[in-house]
Amino acid sequence: MSDHKTTQICIVTVTGADRVGIVARLATVMARANVNIVDINQKIMEDYFVMTMAVDIGQAPLDIGQLRKQLDQVGRQMALKITIQDESIFKAMHRV
């Protein structure tokens, strides 16, 4: 039996007004979906919250579209703009 684990890295970006609980709420969504946060970078710029996360959805029971729906719901509830893209698409769009 193979111990091979599938990896699928996606990039999550979050922007909006800073408030208590943003990171906790998103980490909870990821944990419940069995999504591993492999990198996280967050800044507050003049009360504006900006965060990027690299997440591995390879072991998750849901696909990127299903996770996007959950993140959209959090975004609406917390007045945040949240996007998730496959890492290859993110890199292609942000190539200099």
PDB file of N, CA and C in Angstrom:
ATOM      1  N   MET A   1       0.844  -1.179   0.000  1.00  0.00           N
ATOM      2  CA  MET A   1       0.000   0.000   0.000  1.00  0.00           C
ATOM      3  C   MET A   1       0.891   1.244   0.000  1.00  0.00           C
ATOM      4  N   SER A   2       0.571   2.188  -0.813  1.00  0.00           N
ATOM      5  CA  SER A   2       1.362   3.413  -0.941  1.00  0.00           C
ATOM      6  C   SER A   2       0.980   4.433   0.119  1.00  0.00           C
ATOM      7  N   ASP A   3       1.996   5.141   0.598  1.00  0.00           N
ATOM      8  CA  ASP A   3       1.781   6.217   1.562  1.00  0.00           C
ATOM      9  C   ASP A   3       1.768   7.567   0.852  1.00  0.00           C
ATOM     10  N   HIS A   4       1.592   7.528  -0.474  1.00  0.00           N
ATOM     11  CA  HIS A   4       1.648   8.745  -1.286  1.00  0.00           C
ATOM     12  C   HIS A   4       0.511   9.689  -0.916  1.00  0.00           C
ATOM     13  N   LYS A   5       0.866  10.922  -0.630  1.00  0.00           N
ATOM     14  CA  LYS A   5      -0.144  11.932  -0.308  1.00  0.00           C
ATOM     15  C   LYS A   5      -0.208  12.942  -1.442  1.00  0.00           C
ATOM     16  N   THR A   6      -1.404  13.287  -1.817  1.00  0.00           N
ATOM     17  CA  THR A   6      -1.611  14.278  -2.859  1.00  0.00           C
ATOM     18  C   THR A   6      -1.481  15.675  -2.267  1.00  0.00           C
ATOM     19  N   THR A   7      -0.786  16.538  -2.991  1.00  0.00           N
ATOM     20  CA  THR A   7      -0.647  17.932  -2.581  1.00  0.00           C
ATOM     21  C   THR A   7      -1.296  18.808  -3.646  1.00  0.00           C
ATOM     22  N   GLN A   8      -2.120  19.737  -3.221  1.00  0.00           N
ATOM     23  CA  GLN A   8      -2.682  20.737  -4.126  1.00  0.00           C
ATOM     24  C   GLN A   8      -2.648  22.063  -3.389  1.00  0.00           C
ATOM     25  N   ILE A   9      -1.675  22.894  -3.759  1.00  0.00           N
ATOM     26  CA  ILE A   9      -1.500  24.183  -3.093  1.00  0.00           C
ATOM     27  C   ILE A   9      -2.395  25.225  -3.756  1.00  0.00           C
ATOM     28  N   CYS A  10      -3.098  25.966  -2.923  1.00  0.00           N
ATOM     29  CA  CYS A  10      -3.933  27.082  -3.366  1.00  0.00           C
ATOM     30  C   CYS A  10      -3.539  28.323  -2.578  1.00  0.00           C
ATOM     31  N   ILE A  11      -3.785  29.472  -3.163  1.00  0.00           N
ATOM     32  CA  ILE A  11      -3.487  30.747  -2.518  1.00  0.00           C
ATOM     33  C   ILE A  11      -4.804  31.431  -2.161  1.00  0.00           C
ATOM     34  N   VAL A  12      -4.924  31.778  -0.887  1.00  0.00           N
ATOM     35  CA  VAL A  12      -6.100  32.484  -0.375  1.00  0.00           C
ATOM     36  C   VAL A  12      -5.681  33.915  -0.077  1.00  0.00           C
ATOM     37  N   THR A  13      -6.427  34.889  -0.581  1.00  0.00           N
ATOM     38  CA  THR A  13      -6.173  36.291  -0.241  1.00  0.00           C
ATOM     39  C   THR A  13      -7.405  36.841   0.466  1.00  0.00           C
ATOM     40  N   VAL A  14      -7.137  37.660   1.473  1.00  0.00           N
ATOM     41  CA  VAL A  14      -8.209  38.218   2.301  1.00  0.00           C
ATOM     42  C   VAL A  14      -7.931  39.702   2.496  1.00  0.00           C
ATOM     43  N   THR A  15      -8.908  40.546   2.221  1.00  0.00           N
ATOM     44  CA  THR A  15      -8.770  41.981   2.469  1.00  0.00           C
ATOM     45  C   THR A  15     -10.067  42.520   3.054  1.00  0.00           C
ATOM     46  N   GLY A  16      -9.926  43.563   3.857  1.00  0.00           N
ATOM     47  CA  GLY A  16     -11.095  44.212   4.441  1.00  0.00           C
ATOM     48  C   GLY A  16     -10.726  44.978   5.687  1.00  0.00           C
ATOM     49  N   ALA A  17     -11.711  45.565   6.306  1.00  0.00           N
ATOM     50  CA  ALA A  17     -11.483  46.312   7.543  1.00  0.00           C
ATOM     51  C   ALA A  17     -11.006  45.354   8.628  1.00  0.00           C
ATOM     52  N   ASP A  18     -10.005  45.792   9.393  1.00  0.00           N
ATOM     53  CA  ASP A  18      -9.480  44.955  10.468  1.00  0.00           C
ATOM     54  C   ASP A  18     -10.525  44.794  11.563  1.00  0.00           C
ATOM     55  N   ARG A  19     -10.579  43.593  12.121  1.00  0.00           N
ATOM     56  CA  ARG A  19     -11.461  43.318  13.249  1.00  0.00           C
ATOM     57  C   ARG A  19     -10.978  42.055  13.945  1.00  0.00           C
ATOM     58  N   VAL A  20     -11.414  41.862  15.142  1.00  0.00           N
ATOM     59  CA  VAL A  20     -11.045  40.688  15.923  1.00  0.00           C
ATOM     60  C   VAL A  20     -11.636  39.430  15.287  1.00  0.00           C
ATOM     61  N   GLY A  21     -10.836  38.372  15.207  1.00  0.00           N
ATOM     62  CA  GLY A  21     -11.342  37.064  14.831  1.00  0.00           C
ATOM     63  C   GLY A  21     -11.194  36.643  13.388  1.00  0.00           C
ATOM     64  N   ILE A  22     -10.610  37.473  12.535  1.00  0.00           N
ATOM     65  CA  ILE A  22     -10.507  37.106  11.116  1.00  0.00           C
ATOM     66  C   ILE A  22      -9.657  35.848  10.944  1.00  0.00           C
ATOM     67  N   VAL A  23      -8.451  35.867  11.486  1.00  0.00           N
ATOM     68  CA  VAL A  23      -7.548  34.721  11.325  1.00  0.00           C
ATOM     69  C   VAL A  23      -8.153  33.474  11.970  1.00  0.00           C
ATOM     70  N   ALA A  24      -8.720  33.638  13.151  1.00  0.00           N
ATOM     71  CA  ALA A  24      -9.323  32.496  13.850  1.00  0.00           C
ATOM     72  C   ALA A  24     -10.458  31.886  13.033  1.00  0.00           C
ATOM     73  N   ARG A  25     -11.289  32.719  12.463  1.00  0.00           N
ATOM     74  CA  ARG A  25     -12.439  32.226  11.690  1.00  0.00           C
ATOM     75  C   ARG A  25     -11.986  31.460  10.454  1.00  0.00           C
ATOM     76  N   LEU A  26     -10.992  32.012   9.753  1.00  0.00           N
ATOM     77  CA  LEU A  26     -10.507  31.342   8.548  1.00  0.00           C
ATOM     78  C   LEU A  26      -9.756  30.059   8.889  1.00  0.00           C
ATOM     79  N   ALA A  27      -8.978  30.076   9.971  1.00  0.00           N
ATOM     80  CA  ALA A  27      -8.271  28.863  10.398  1.00  0.00           C
ATOM     81  C   ALA A  27      -9.266  27.769  10.774  1.00  0.00           C
ATOM     82  N   THR A  28     -10.376  28.141  11.377  1.00  0.00           N
ATOM     83  CA  THR A  28     -11.411  27.170  11.736  1.00  0.00           C
ATOM     84  C   THR A  28     -12.026  26.544  10.489  1.00  0.00           C
ATOM     85  N   VAL A  29     -12.323  27.362   9.486  1.00  0.00           N
ATOM     86  CA  VAL A  29     -12.864  26.845   8.221  1.00  0.00           C
ATOM     87  C   VAL A  29     -11.886  25.849   7.610  1.00  0.00           C
ATOM     88  N   MET A  30     -10.599  26.211   7.589  1.00  0.00           N
ATOM     89  CA  MET A  30      -9.585  25.331   7.003  1.00  0.00           C
ATOM     90  C   MET A  30      -9.474  24.021   7.782  1.00  0.00           C
ATOM     91  N   ALA A  31      -9.425  24.109   9.094  1.00  0.00           N
ATOM     92  CA  ALA A  31      -9.281  22.903   9.921  1.00  0.00           C
ATOM     93  C   ALA A  31     -10.470  21.962   9.745  1.00  0.00           C
ATOM     94  N   ARG A  32     -11.662  22.507   9.731  1.00  0.00           N
ATOM     95  CA  ARG A  32     -12.863  21.670   9.563  1.00  0.00           C
ATOM     96  C   ARG A  32     -12.908  20.991   8.201  1.00  0.00           C
ATOM     97  N   ALA A  33     -12.260  21.601   7.212  1.00  0.00           N
ATOM     98  CA  ALA A  33     -12.226  21.040   5.859  1.00  0.00           C
ATOM     99  C   ALA A  33     -10.985  20.172   5.626  1.00  0.00           C
ATOM    100  N   ASN A  34     -10.191  19.942   6.673  1.00  0.00           N
ATOM    101  CA  ASN A  34      -8.947  19.170   6.572  1.00  0.00           C
ATOM    102  C   ASN A  34      -7.977  19.811   5.579  1.00  0.00           C
ATOM    103  N   VAL A  35      -7.926  21.132   5.586  1.00  0.00           N
ATOM    104  CA  VAL A  35      -7.023  21.907   4.740  1.00  0.00           C
ATOM    105  C   VAL A  35      -5.870  22.383   5.614  1.00  0.00           C
ATOM    106  N   ASN A  36      -4.639  22.122   5.161  1.00  0.00           N
ATOM    107  CA  ASN A  36      -3.459  22.509   5.919  1.00  0.00           C
ATOM    108  C   ASN A  36      -2.978  23.893   5.476  1.00  0.00           C
ATOM    109  N   ILE A  37      -2.811  24.802   6.423  1.00  0.00           N
ATOM    110  CA  ILE A  37      -2.228  26.115   6.131  1.00  0.00           C
ATOM    111  C   ILE A  37      -0.718  25.930   6.149  1.00  0.00           C
ATOM    112  N   VAL A  38      -0.076  26.093   4.987  1.00  0.00           N
ATOM    113  CA  VAL A  38       1.367  25.863   4.904  1.00  0.00           C
ATOM    114  C   VAL A  38       2.175  27.152   5.009  1.00  0.00           C
ATOM    115  N   ASP A  39       1.535  28.289   4.763  1.00  0.00           N
ATOM    116  CA  ASP A  39       2.208  29.583   4.923  1.00  0.00           C
ATOM    117  C   ASP A  39       1.130  30.643   5.110  1.00  0.00           C
ATOM    118  N   ILE A  40       1.454  31.639   5.913  1.00  0.00           N
ATOM    119  CA  ILE A  40       0.498  32.720   6.152  1.00  0.00           C
ATOM    120  C   ILE A  40       1.275  34.018   6.338  1.00  0.00           C
ATOM    121  N   ASN A  41       0.772  35.078   5.733  1.00  0.00           N
ATOM    122  CA  ASN A  41       1.384  36.400   5.846  1.00  0.00           C
ATOM    123  C   ASN A  41       0.241  37.394   6.012  1.00  0.00           C
ATOM    124  N   GLN A  42       0.321  38.203   7.057  1.00  0.00           N
ATOM    125  CA  GLN A  42      -0.777  39.113   7.360  1.00  0.00           C
ATOM    126  C   GLN A  42      -0.222  40.464   7.808  1.00  0.00           C
ATOM    127  N   LYS A  43      -0.867  41.526   7.375  1.00  0.00           N
ATOM    128  CA  LYS A  43      -0.486  42.888   7.761  1.00  0.00           C
ATOM    129  C   LYS A  43      -1.738  43.710   8.008  1.00  0.00           C
ATOM    130  N   ILE A  44      -1.576  44.706   8.850  1.00  0.00           N
ATOM    131  CA  ILE A  44      -2.616  45.713   9.045  1.00  0.00           C
ATOM    132  C   ILE A  44      -2.034  47.016   8.515  1.00  0.00           C
ATOM    133  N   MET A  45      -2.725  47.613   7.549  1.00  0.00           N
ATOM    134  CA  MET A  45      -2.262  48.869   6.965  1.00  0.00           C
ATOM    135  C   MET A  45      -3.357  49.905   7.152  1.00  0.00           C
ATOM    136  N   GLU A  46      -3.153  50.807   8.120  1.00  0.00           N
ATOM    137  CA  GLU A  46      -4.133  51.856   8.427  1.00  0.00           C
ATOM    138  C   GLU A  46      -5.535  51.262   8.617  1.00  0.00           C
ATOM    139  N   ASP A  47      -5.659  50.324   9.529  1.00  0.00           N
ATOM    140  CA  ASP A  47      -6.918  49.652   9.867  1.00  0.00           C
ATOM    141  C   ASP A  47      -7.465  48.769   8.751  1.00  0.00           C
ATOM    142  N   TYR A  48      -6.656  48.509   7.731  1.00  0.00           N
ATOM    143  CA  TYR A  48      -7.056  47.646   6.629  1.00  0.00           C
ATOM    144  C   TYR A  48      -6.311  46.322   6.756  1.00  0.00           C
ATOM    145  N   PHE A  49      -7.037  45.231   6.810  1.00  0.00           N
ATOM    146  CA  PHE A  49      -6.481  43.895   6.987  1.00  0.00           C
ATOM    147  C   PHE A  49      -6.134  43.292   5.628  1.00  0.00           C
ATOM    148  N   VAL A  50      -4.912  42.785   5.490  1.00  0.00           N
ATOM    149  CA  VAL A  50      -4.469  42.136   4.254  1.00  0.00           C
ATOM    150  C   VAL A  50      -3.769  40.833   4.635  1.00  0.00           C
ATOM    151  N   MET A  51      -4.216  39.719   4.076  1.00  0.00           N
ATOM    152  CA  MET A  51      -3.601  38.434   4.401  1.00  0.00           C
ATOM    153  C   MET A  51      -3.541  37.548   3.163  1.00  0.00           C
ATOM    154  N   THR A  52      -2.442  36.820   3.049  1.00  0.00           N
ATOM    155  CA  THR A  52      -2.341  35.760   2.053  1.00  0.00           C
ATOM    156  C   THR A  52      -1.991  34.470   2.786  1.00  0.00           C
ATOM    157  N   MET A  53      -2.578  33.396   2.328  1.00  0.00           N
ATOM    158  CA  MET A  53      -2.285  32.074   2.877  1.00  0.00           C
ATOM    159  C   MET A  53      -2.031  31.116   1.722  1.00  0.00           C
ATOM    160  N   ALA A  54      -1.017  30.281   1.892  1.00  0.00           N
ATOM    161  CA  ALA A  54      -0.844  29.136   1.009  1.00  0.00           C
ATOM    162  C   ALA A  54      -1.433  27.955   1.762  1.00  0.00           C
ATOM    163  N   VAL A  55      -2.365  27.276   1.140  1.00  0.00           N
ATOM    164  CA  VAL A  55      -3.037  26.155   1.796  1.00  0.00           C
ATOM    165  C   VAL A  55      -2.947  24.917   0.907  1.00  0.00           C
ATOM    166  N   ASP A  56      -2.883  23.763   1.551  1.00  0.00           N
ATOM    167  CA  ASP A  56      -2.845  22.494   0.831  1.00  0.00           C
ATOM    168  C   ASP A  56      -4.211  21.827   0.973  1.00  0.00           C
ATOM    169  N   ILE A  57      -4.931  21.732  -0.146  1.00  0.00           N
ATOM    170  CA  ILE A  57      -6.256  21.108  -0.111  1.00  0.00           C
ATOM    171  C   ILE A  57      -6.215  19.662  -0.611  1.00  0.00           C
ATOM    172  N   GLY A  58      -5.023  19.123  -0.793  1.00  0.00           N
ATOM    173  CA  GLY A  58      -4.859  17.781  -1.349  1.00  0.00           C
ATOM    174  C   GLY A  58      -5.500  16.671  -0.538  1.00  0.00           C
ATOM    175  N   GLN A  59      -5.616  16.838   0.772  1.00  0.00           N
ATOM    176  CA  GLN A  59      -6.215  15.814   1.629  1.00  0.00           C
ATOM    177  C   GLN A  59      -7.645  16.163   2.041  1.00  0.00           C
ATOM    178  N   ALA A  60      -8.144  17.270   1.531  1.00  0.00           N
ATOM    179  CA  ALA A  60      -9.495  17.721   1.895  1.00  0.00           C
ATOM    180  C   ALA A  60     -10.551  16.883   1.175  1.00  0.00           C
ATOM    181  N   PRO A  61     -11.691  16.640   1.820  1.00  0.00           N
ATOM    182  CA  PRO A  61     -12.768  15.893   1.176  1.00  0.00           C
ATOM    183  C   PRO A  61     -13.583  16.752   0.200  1.00  0.00           C
ATOM    184  N   LEU A  62     -13.230  18.026   0.068  1.00  0.00           N
ATOM    185  CA  LEU A  62     -13.949  18.919  -0.833  1.00  0.00           C
ATOM    186  C   LEU A  62     -12.982  19.502  -1.843  1.00  0.00           C
ATOM    187  N   ASP A  63     -13.514  19.995  -2.952  1.00  0.00           N
ATOM    188  CA  ASP A  63     -12.660  20.574  -3.980  1.00  0.00           C
ATOM    189  C   ASP A  63     -12.580  22.089  -3.798  1.00  0.00           C
ATOM    190  N   ILE A  64     -11.812  22.733  -4.651  1.00  0.00           N
ATOM    191  CA  ILE A  64     -11.583  24.174  -4.522  1.00  0.00           C
ATOM    192  C   ILE A  64     -12.895  24.956  -4.659  1.00  0.00           C
ATOM    193  N   GLY A  65     -13.799  24.503  -5.495  1.00  0.00           N
ATOM    194  CA  GLY A  65     -15.083  25.192  -5.657  1.00  0.00           C
ATOM    195  C   GLY A  65     -15.927  25.147  -4.393  1.00  0.00           C
ATOM    196  N   GLN A  66     -15.938  23.999  -3.737  1.00  0.00           N
ATOM    197  CA  GLN A  66     -16.698  23.865  -2.489  1.00  0.00           C
ATOM    198  C   GLN A  66     -16.076  24.709  -1.381  1.00  0.00           C
ATOM    199  N   LEU A  67     -14.738  24.721  -1.320  1.00  0.00           N
ATOM    200  CA  LEU A  67     -14.061  25.550  -0.319  1.00  0.00           C
ATOM    201  C   LEU A  67     -14.315  27.028  -0.609  1.00  0.00           C
ATOM    202  N   ARG A  68     -14.315  27.396  -1.886  1.00  0.00           N
ATOM    203  CA  ARG A  68     -14.594  28.787  -2.272  1.00  0.00           C
ATOM    204  C   ARG A  68     -15.972  29.222  -1.759  1.00  0.00           C
ATOM    205  N   LYS A  69     -16.963  28.351  -1.851  1.00  0.00           N
ATOM    206  CA  LYS A  69     -18.305  28.683  -1.353  1.00  0.00           C
ATOM    207  C   LYS A  69     -18.286  28.941   0.149  1.00  0.00           C
ATOM    208  N   GLN A  70     -17.543  28.135   0.892  1.00  0.00           N
ATOM    209  CA  GLN A  70     -17.446  28.344   2.338  1.00  0.00           C
ATOM    210  C   GLN A  70     -16.747  29.666   2.648  1.00  0.00           C
ATOM    211  N   LEU A  71     -15.684  29.968   1.902  1.00  0.00           N
ATOM    212  CA  LEU A  71     -14.959  31.222   2.117  1.00  0.00           C
ATOM    213  C   LEU A  71     -15.811  32.424   1.713  1.00  0.00           C
ATOM    214  N   ASP A  72     -16.597  32.280   0.651  1.00  0.00           N
ATOM    215  CA  ASP A  72     -17.508  33.362   0.248  1.00  0.00           C
ATOM    216  C   ASP A  72     -18.502  33.674   1.365  1.00  0.00           C
ATOM    217  N   GLN A  73     -18.989  32.634   2.016  1.00  0.00           N
ATOM    218  CA  GLN A  73     -19.937  32.829   3.115  1.00  0.00           C
ATOM    219  C   GLN A  73     -19.275  33.590   4.264  1.00  0.00           C
ATOM    220  N   VAL A  74     -18.055  33.220   4.617  1.00  0.00           N
ATOM    221  CA  VAL A  74     -17.317  33.936   5.672  1.00  0.00           C
ATOM    222  C   VAL A  74     -17.091  35.380   5.245  1.00  0.00           C
ATOM    223  N   GLY A  75     -16.728  35.575   3.986  1.00  0.00           N
ATOM    224  CA  GLY A  75     -16.504  36.923   3.478  1.00  0.00           C
ATOM    225  C   GLY A  75     -17.739  37.801   3.613  1.00  0.00           C
ATOM    226  N   ARG A  76     -18.891  37.251   3.273  1.00  0.00           N
ATOM    227  CA  ARG A  76     -20.141  38.016   3.417  1.00  0.00           C
ATOM    228  C   ARG A  76     -20.425  38.329   4.885  1.00  0.00           C
ATOM    229  N   GLN A  77     -20.256  37.344   5.751  1.00  0.00           N
ATOM    230  CA  GLN A  77     -20.555  37.526   7.172  1.00  0.00           C
ATOM    231  C   GLN A  77     -19.617  38.528   7.845  1.00  0.00           C
ATOM    232  N   MET A  78     -18.361  38.575   7.381  1.00  0.00           N
ATOM    233  CA  MET A  78     -17.370  39.435   8.038  1.00  0.00           C
ATOM    234  C   MET A  78     -17.010  40.665   7.205  1.00  0.00           C
ATOM    235  N   ALA A  79     -17.716  40.890   6.100  1.00  0.00           N
ATOM    236  CA  ALA A  79     -17.460  42.028   5.207  1.00  0.00           C
ATOM    237  C   ALA A  79     -16.014  42.037   4.719  1.00  0.00           C
ATOM    238  N   LEU A  80     -15.566  40.879   4.212  1.00  0.00           N
ATOM    239  CA  LEU A  80     -14.211  40.717   3.690  1.00  0.00           C
ATOM    240  C   LEU A  80     -14.276  40.277   2.234  1.00  0.00           C
ATOM    241  N   LYS A  81     -13.224  40.603   1.490  1.00  0.00           N
ATOM    242  CA  LYS A  81     -13.067  40.060   0.139  1.00  0.00           C
ATOM    243  C   LYS A  81     -12.096  38.894   0.264  1.00  0.00           C
ATOM    244  N   ILE A  82     -12.561  37.696  -0.051  1.00  0.00           N
ATOM    245  CA  ILE A  82     -11.745  36.491   0.074  1.00  0.00           C
ATOM    246  C   ILE A  82     -11.728  35.787  -1.276  1.00  0.00           C
ATOM    247  N   THR A  83     -10.525  35.497  -1.772  1.00  0.00           N
ATOM    248  CA  THR A  83     -10.394  34.743  -3.015  1.00  0.00           C
ATOM    249  C   THR A  83      -9.519  33.523  -2.762  1.00  0.00           C
ATOM    250  N   ILE A  84      -9.739  32.480  -3.540  1.00  0.00           N
ATOM    251  CA  ILE A  84      -8.885  31.299  -3.514  1.00  0.00           C
ATOM    252  C   ILE A  84      -8.626  30.892  -4.953  1.00  0.00           C
ATOM    253  N   GLN A  85      -7.343  30.639  -5.248  1.00  0.00           N
ATOM    254  CA  GLN A  85      -6.936  30.235  -6.592  1.00  0.00           C
ATOM    255  C   GLN A  85      -5.911  29.124  -6.478  1.00  0.00           C
ATOM    256  N   ASP A  86      -5.901  28.245  -7.465  1.00  0.00           N
ATOM    257  CA  ASP A  86      -4.829  27.271  -7.550  1.00  0.00           C
ATOM    258  C   ASP A  86      -3.508  28.032  -7.665  1.00  0.00           C
ATOM    259  N   GLU A  87      -2.475  27.520  -7.024  1.00  0.00           N
ATOM    260  CA  GLU A  87      -1.178  28.207  -6.995  1.00  0.00           C
ATOM    261  C   GLU A  87      -0.655  28.519  -8.395  1.00  0.00           C
ATOM    262  N   SER A  88      -0.826  27.619  -9.353  1.00  0.00           N
ATOM    263  CA  SER A  88      -0.309  27.850 -10.705  1.00  0.00           C
ATOM    264  C   SER A  88      -1.005  29.036 -11.369  1.00  0.00           C
ATOM    265  N   ILE A  89      -2.300  29.187 -11.149  1.00  0.00           N
ATOM    266  CA  ILE A  89      -3.039  30.329 -11.701  1.00  0.00           C
ATOM    267  C   ILE A  89      -2.596  31.613 -11.019  1.00  0.00           C
ATOM    268  N   PHE A  90      -2.453  31.570  -9.697  1.00  0.00           N
ATOM    269  CA  PHE A  90      -2.009  32.742  -8.945  1.00  0.00           C
ATOM    270  C   PHE A  90      -0.641  33.201  -9.448  1.00  0.00           C
ATOM    271  N   LYS A  91       0.292  32.266  -9.614  1.00  0.00           N
ATOM    272  CA  LYS A  91       1.642  32.618 -10.078  1.00  0.00           C
ATOM    273  C   LYS A  91       1.607  33.197 -11.486  1.00  0.00           C
ATOM    274  N   ALA A  92       0.806  32.619 -12.360  1.00  0.00           N
ATOM    275  CA  ALA A  92       0.715  33.120 -13.731  1.00  0.00           C
ATOM    276  C   ALA A  92       0.153  34.535 -13.767  1.00  0.00           C
ATOM    277  N   MET A  93      -0.824  34.821 -12.912  1.00  0.00           N
ATOM    278  CA  MET A  93      -1.445  36.145 -12.889  1.00  0.00           C
ATOM    279  C   MET A  93      -0.544  37.202 -12.263  1.00  0.00           C
ATOM    280  N   HIS A  94       0.389  36.787 -11.408  1.00  0.00           N
ATOM    281  CA  HIS A  94       1.229  37.741 -10.692  1.00  0.00           C
ATOM    282  C   HIS A  94       2.682  37.711 -11.147  1.00  0.00           C
ATOM    283  N   ARG A  95       2.931  37.146 -12.315  1.00  0.00           N
ATOM    284  CA  ARG A  95       4.282  37.105 -12.866  1.00  0.00           C
ATOM    285  C   ARG A  95       4.649  38.495 -13.369  1.00  0.00           C
ATOM    286  N   VAL A  96       5.861  38.915 -13.031  1.00  0.00           N
ATOM    287  CA  VAL A  96       6.329  40.246 -13.449  1.00  0.00           C
ATOM    288  C   VAL A  96       7.051  40.144 -14.763  1.00  0.00           C
TER     289      VAL A  96
END
